[in-house]
Amino acid sequence: MRPIPSIAALGAAVLLCAATGHAADTTDPARQAAPPDGWASQAGGTLGGSTAPASQVYTVANRAQLLAALYNGGTNPKIIKLTGIVDMSEGQPFTSSADQAARGAVRLKSNTTLIGGAPMRASSTAISWSRTRHRSSSAT
């Protein structure tokens, strides 16, 4: 009996599996564009903040940090990663619907990706999107 061919065949099979196996996807979800379906397929697609430079990537853990990140850079691409519990009321109950609208509303600008990290929870907030439309560089 000649075990060499069996060992060679086993080695070739292992190498083939290793060569065709899929590496773990390490792409940051915040860097991914929306898939081209529904409204995300209109006007050149939806990128959000996926093209943001490193200087426009923020990790926030409270209301003040979230608001600062939202307004820094205007409508330039940005990524905001929420961590911990972001309580827009800051522990103070809202006194009226006007107070809730003033302190609890978060308005996302164009070219912004807002994504939760682990652990994350947004509390006492309403998130809305501005009507400003993103146009890709290929749009006319």
C-alpha atoms as a PDB file:
ATOM      1  CA  MET A   1       0.000   0.000   0.000  1.00  0.00           C
ATOM      2  CA  ARG A   2       1.261   3.440  -0.890  1.00  0.00           C
ATOM      3  CA  PRO A   3      -0.009   6.151   1.488  1.00  0.00           C
ATOM      4  CA  ILE A   4       1.735   8.988  -0.345  1.00  0.00           C
ATOM      5  CA  PRO A   5      -1.004   9.567  -2.979  1.00  0.00           C
ATOM      6  CA  SER A   6      -3.664   9.625  -0.231  1.00  0.00           C
ATOM      7  CA  ILE A   7      -1.725  12.191   1.768  1.00  0.00           C
ATOM      8  CA  ALA A   8      -1.104  14.223  -1.390  1.00  0.00           C
ATOM      9  CA  ALA A   9      -4.807  14.102  -2.283  1.00  0.00           C
ATOM     10  CA  LEU A  10      -5.782  15.170   1.238  1.00  0.00           C
ATOM     11  CA  GLY A  11      -3.263  18.013   1.145  1.00  0.00           C
ATOM     12  CA  ALA A  12      -4.571  19.174  -2.244  1.00  0.00           C
ATOM     13  CA  ALA A  13      -8.149  19.124  -0.924  1.00  0.00           C
ATOM     14  CA  VAL A  14      -7.164  21.202   2.116  1.00  0.00           C
ATOM     15  CA  LEU A  15      -5.341  23.724  -0.084  1.00  0.00           C
ATOM     16  CA  LEU A  16      -8.304  23.923  -2.470  1.00  0.00           C
ATOM     17  CA  CYS A  17     -10.703  24.589   0.416  1.00  0.00           C
ATOM     18  CA  ALA A  18      -8.381  27.233   1.833  1.00  0.00           C
ATOM     19  CA  ALA A  19      -7.995  28.917  -1.541  1.00  0.00           C
ATOM     20  CA  THR A  20     -11.723  29.033  -2.263  1.00  0.00           C
ATOM     21  CA  GLY A  21     -12.918  29.725   1.279  1.00  0.00           C
ATOM     22  CA  HIS A  22     -14.377  33.110   2.069  1.00  0.00           C
ATOM     23  CA  ALA A  23     -12.501  35.406   4.388  1.00  0.00           C
ATOM     24  CA  ALA A  24     -14.510  37.073   7.115  1.00  0.00           C
ATOM     25  CA  ASP A  25     -16.040  40.316   5.855  1.00  0.00           C
ATOM     26  CA  THR A  26     -14.295  43.059   7.807  1.00  0.00           C
ATOM     27  CA  THR A  27     -15.971  45.961   6.012  1.00  0.00           C
ATOM     28  CA  ASP A  28     -17.314  48.498   8.482  1.00  0.00           C
ATOM     29  CA  PRO A  29     -21.116  48.571   7.979  1.00  0.00           C
ATOM     30  CA  ALA A  30     -20.991  52.371   8.217  1.00  0.00           C
ATOM     31  CA  ARG A  31     -18.792  52.398   5.092  1.00  0.00           C
ATOM     32  CA  GLN A  32     -21.312  50.482   2.987  1.00  0.00           C
ATOM     33  CA  ALA A  33     -23.679  52.237   0.589  1.00  0.00           C
ATOM     34  CA  ALA A  34     -27.354  51.299   0.685  1.00  0.00           C
ATOM     35  CA  PRO A  35     -28.286  48.507  -1.723  1.00  0.00           C
ATOM     36  CA  PRO A  36     -29.785  49.827  -4.976  1.00  0.00           C
ATOM     37  CA  ASP A  37     -33.441  49.059  -4.302  1.00  0.00           C
ATOM     38  CA  GLY A  38     -36.476  51.197  -3.555  1.00  0.00           C
ATOM     39  CA  TRP A  39     -35.734  54.856  -2.923  1.00  0.00           C
ATOM     40  CA  ALA A  40     -32.062  54.022  -2.425  1.00  0.00           C
ATOM     41  CA  SER A  41     -31.818  53.308  -6.165  1.00  0.00           C
ATOM     42  CA  GLN A  42     -32.899  56.808  -7.210  1.00  0.00           C
ATOM     43  CA  ALA A  43     -30.627  59.623  -8.456  1.00  0.00           C
ATOM     44  CA  GLY A  44     -27.394  57.642  -8.455  1.00  0.00           C
ATOM     45  CA  GLY A  45     -27.943  55.703  -5.229  1.00  0.00           C
ATOM     46  CA  THR A  46     -27.716  56.404  -1.521  1.00  0.00           C
ATOM     47  CA  LEU A  47     -24.273  56.722   0.004  1.00  0.00           C
ATOM     48  CA  GLY A  48     -25.061  58.366   3.324  1.00  0.00           C
ATOM     49  CA  GLY A  49     -21.760  59.135   5.000  1.00  0.00           C
ATOM     50  CA  SER A  50     -19.979  56.058   3.636  1.00  0.00           C
ATOM     51  CA  THR A  51     -17.338  58.213   1.907  1.00  0.00           C
ATOM     52  CA  ALA A  52     -16.551  60.303   5.002  1.00  0.00           C
ATOM     53  CA  PRO A  53     -12.875  60.994   5.703  1.00  0.00           C
ATOM     54  CA  ALA A  54     -11.517  59.782   9.055  1.00  0.00           C
ATOM     55  CA  SER A  55     -11.817  63.332  10.421  1.00  0.00           C
ATOM     56  CA  GLN A  56     -15.600  63.115   9.979  1.00  0.00           C
ATOM     57  CA  VAL A  57     -16.149  59.816  11.835  1.00  0.00           C
ATOM     58  CA  TYR A  58     -17.495  60.310  15.345  1.00  0.00           C
ATOM     59  CA  THR A  59     -18.221  57.943  18.216  1.00  0.00           C
ATOM     60  CA  VAL A  60     -20.742  59.549  20.548  1.00  0.00           C
ATOM     61  CA  ALA A  61     -22.133  58.515  23.923  1.00  0.00           C
ATOM     62  CA  ASN A  62     -24.370  61.429  24.928  1.00  0.00           C
ATOM     63  CA  ARG A  63     -26.660  64.176  23.629  1.00  0.00           C
ATOM     64  CA  ALA A  64     -23.991  66.906  23.489  1.00  0.00           C
ATOM     65  CA  GLN A  65     -21.589  64.720  21.496  1.00  0.00           C
ATOM     66  CA  LEU A  66     -24.356  63.650  19.102  1.00  0.00           C
ATOM     67  CA  LEU A  67     -25.454  67.218  18.399  1.00  0.00           C
ATOM     68  CA  ALA A  68     -21.847  68.392  17.951  1.00  0.00           C
ATOM     69  CA  ALA A  69     -21.161  65.567  15.487  1.00  0.00           C
ATOM     70  CA  LEU A  70     -24.352  66.312  13.539  1.00  0.00           C
ATOM     71  CA  TYR A  71     -23.486  69.964  13.025  1.00  0.00           C
ATOM     72  CA  ASN A  72     -19.738  69.625  12.466  1.00  0.00           C
ATOM     73  CA  GLY A  73     -18.932  69.746   8.765  1.00  0.00           C
ATOM     74  CA  GLY A  74     -22.380  70.780   7.516  1.00  0.00           C
ATOM     75  CA  THR A  75     -23.578  68.410   4.796  1.00  0.00           C
ATOM     76  CA  ASN A  76     -20.136  66.929   4.110  1.00  0.00           C
ATOM     77  CA  PRO A  77     -20.167  63.115   4.433  1.00  0.00           C
ATOM     78  CA  LYS A  78     -19.968  61.985   8.056  1.00  0.00           C
ATOM     79  CA  ILE A  79     -20.408  58.815  10.077  1.00  0.00           C
ATOM     80  CA  ILE A  80     -21.799  58.964  13.596  1.00  0.00           C
ATOM     81  CA  LYS A  81     -21.530  55.824  15.721  1.00  0.00           C
ATOM     82  CA  LEU A  82     -23.750  55.749  18.809  1.00  0.00           C
ATOM     83  CA  THR A  83     -22.521  53.904  21.900  1.00  0.00           C
ATOM     84  CA  GLY A  84     -24.030  53.576  25.344  1.00  0.00           C
ATOM     85  CA  ILE A  85     -27.368  55.197  26.131  1.00  0.00           C
ATOM     86  CA  VAL A  86     -27.934  58.482  24.327  1.00  0.00           C
ATOM     87  CA  ASP A  87     -30.751  60.125  26.318  1.00  0.00           C
ATOM     88  CA  MET A  88     -31.897  63.255  24.529  1.00  0.00           C
ATOM     89  CA  SER A  89     -33.847  64.409  27.614  1.00  0.00           C
ATOM     90  CA  GLU A  90     -30.646  64.148  29.698  1.00  0.00           C
ATOM     91  CA  GLY A  91     -32.715  62.762  32.559  1.00  0.00           C
ATOM     92  CA  GLN A  92     -35.034  65.773  32.689  1.00  0.00           C
ATOM     93  CA  PRO A  93     -38.665  64.978  31.773  1.00  0.00           C
ATOM     94  CA  PHE A  94     -40.088  66.899  28.848  1.00  0.00           C
ATOM     95  CA  THR A  95     -42.501  69.572  30.078  1.00  0.00           C
ATOM     96  CA  SER A  96     -44.500  69.929  26.855  1.00  0.00           C
ATOM     97  CA  SER A  97     -44.619  68.782  23.265  1.00  0.00           C
ATOM     98  CA  ALA A  98     -42.726  71.954  22.306  1.00  0.00           C
ATOM     99  CA  ASP A  99     -40.000  71.068  24.832  1.00  0.00           C
ATOM    100  CA  GLN A 100     -39.859  67.542  23.449  1.00  0.00           C
ATOM    101  CA  ALA A 101     -39.562  68.883  19.890  1.00  0.00           C
ATOM    102  CA  ALA A 102     -36.797  71.278  20.946  1.00  0.00           C
ATOM    103  CA  ARG A 103     -34.691  68.883  23.039  1.00  0.00           C
ATOM    104  CA  GLY A 104     -35.623  65.443  21.735  1.00  0.00           C
ATOM    105  CA  ALA A 105     -35.705  65.854  17.965  1.00  0.00           C
ATOM    106  CA  VAL A 106     -32.656  64.907  15.932  1.00  0.00           C
ATOM    107  CA  ARG A 107     -32.582  66.070  12.323  1.00  0.00           C
ATOM    108  CA  LEU A 108     -30.099  64.203  10.159  1.00  0.00           C
ATOM    109  CA  LYS A 109     -28.524  66.134   7.318  1.00  0.00           C
ATOM    110  CA  SER A 110     -27.737  64.684   3.913  1.00  0.00           C
ATOM    111  CA  ASN A 111     -24.632  62.505   3.602  1.00  0.00           C
ATOM    112  CA  THR A 112     -24.898  61.294   7.206  1.00  0.00           C
ATOM    113  CA  THR A 113     -24.718  57.698   8.393  1.00  0.00           C
ATOM    114  CA  LEU A 114     -26.049  57.194  11.922  1.00  0.00           C
ATOM    115  CA  ILE A 115     -25.279  53.708  13.181  1.00  0.00           C
ATOM    116  CA  GLY A 116     -25.439  52.019  16.555  1.00  0.00           C
ATOM    117  CA  GLY A 117     -22.447  50.363  18.128  1.00  0.00           C
ATOM    118  CA  ALA A 118     -22.626  47.816  20.908  1.00  0.00           C
ATOM    119  CA  PRO A 119     -24.060  48.444  23.406  1.00  0.00           C
ATOM    120  CA  MET A 120     -26.335  51.253  22.215  1.00  0.00           C
ATOM    121  CA  ARG A 121     -29.755  52.682  22.931  1.00  0.00           C
ATOM    122  CA  ALA A 122     -31.329  56.004  21.980  1.00  0.00           C
ATOM    123  CA  SER A 123     -33.831  57.274  24.505  1.00  0.00           C
ATOM    124  CA  SER A 124     -36.400  60.087  24.435  1.00  0.00           C
ATOM    125  CA  THR A 125     -35.714  60.972  20.822  1.00  0.00           C
ATOM    126  CA  ALA A 126     -37.324  61.290  17.423  1.00  0.00           C
ATOM    127  CA  ILE A 127     -35.055  61.066  14.389  1.00  0.00           C
ATOM    128  CA  SER A 128     -35.953  62.684  11.077  1.00  0.00           C
ATOM    129  CA  TRP A 129     -34.173  63.308   7.814  1.00  0.00           C
ATOM    130  CA  SER A 130     -33.822  66.603   6.001  1.00  0.00           C
ATOM    131  CA  ARG A 131     -35.309  67.008   2.554  1.00  0.00           C
ATOM    132  CA  THR A 132     -31.974  67.931   1.025  1.00  0.00           C
ATOM    133  CA  ARG A 133     -31.184  65.451  -1.718  1.00  0.00           C
ATOM    134  CA  HIS A 134     -27.790  63.877  -2.238  1.00  0.00           C
ATOM    135  CA  ARG A 135     -26.634  63.895  -5.830  1.00  0.00           C
ATOM    136  CA  SER A 136     -23.799  61.697  -6.918  1.00  0.00           C
ATOM    137  CA  SER A 137     -20.998  63.236  -8.950  1.00  0.00           C
ATOM    138  CA  SER A 138     -22.329  61.459 -12.045  1.00  0.00           C
ATOM    139  CA  ALA A 139     -25.784  63.047 -11.781  1.00  0.00           C
ATOM    140  CA  THR A 140     -26.651  65.794 -14.221  1.00  0.00           C
END
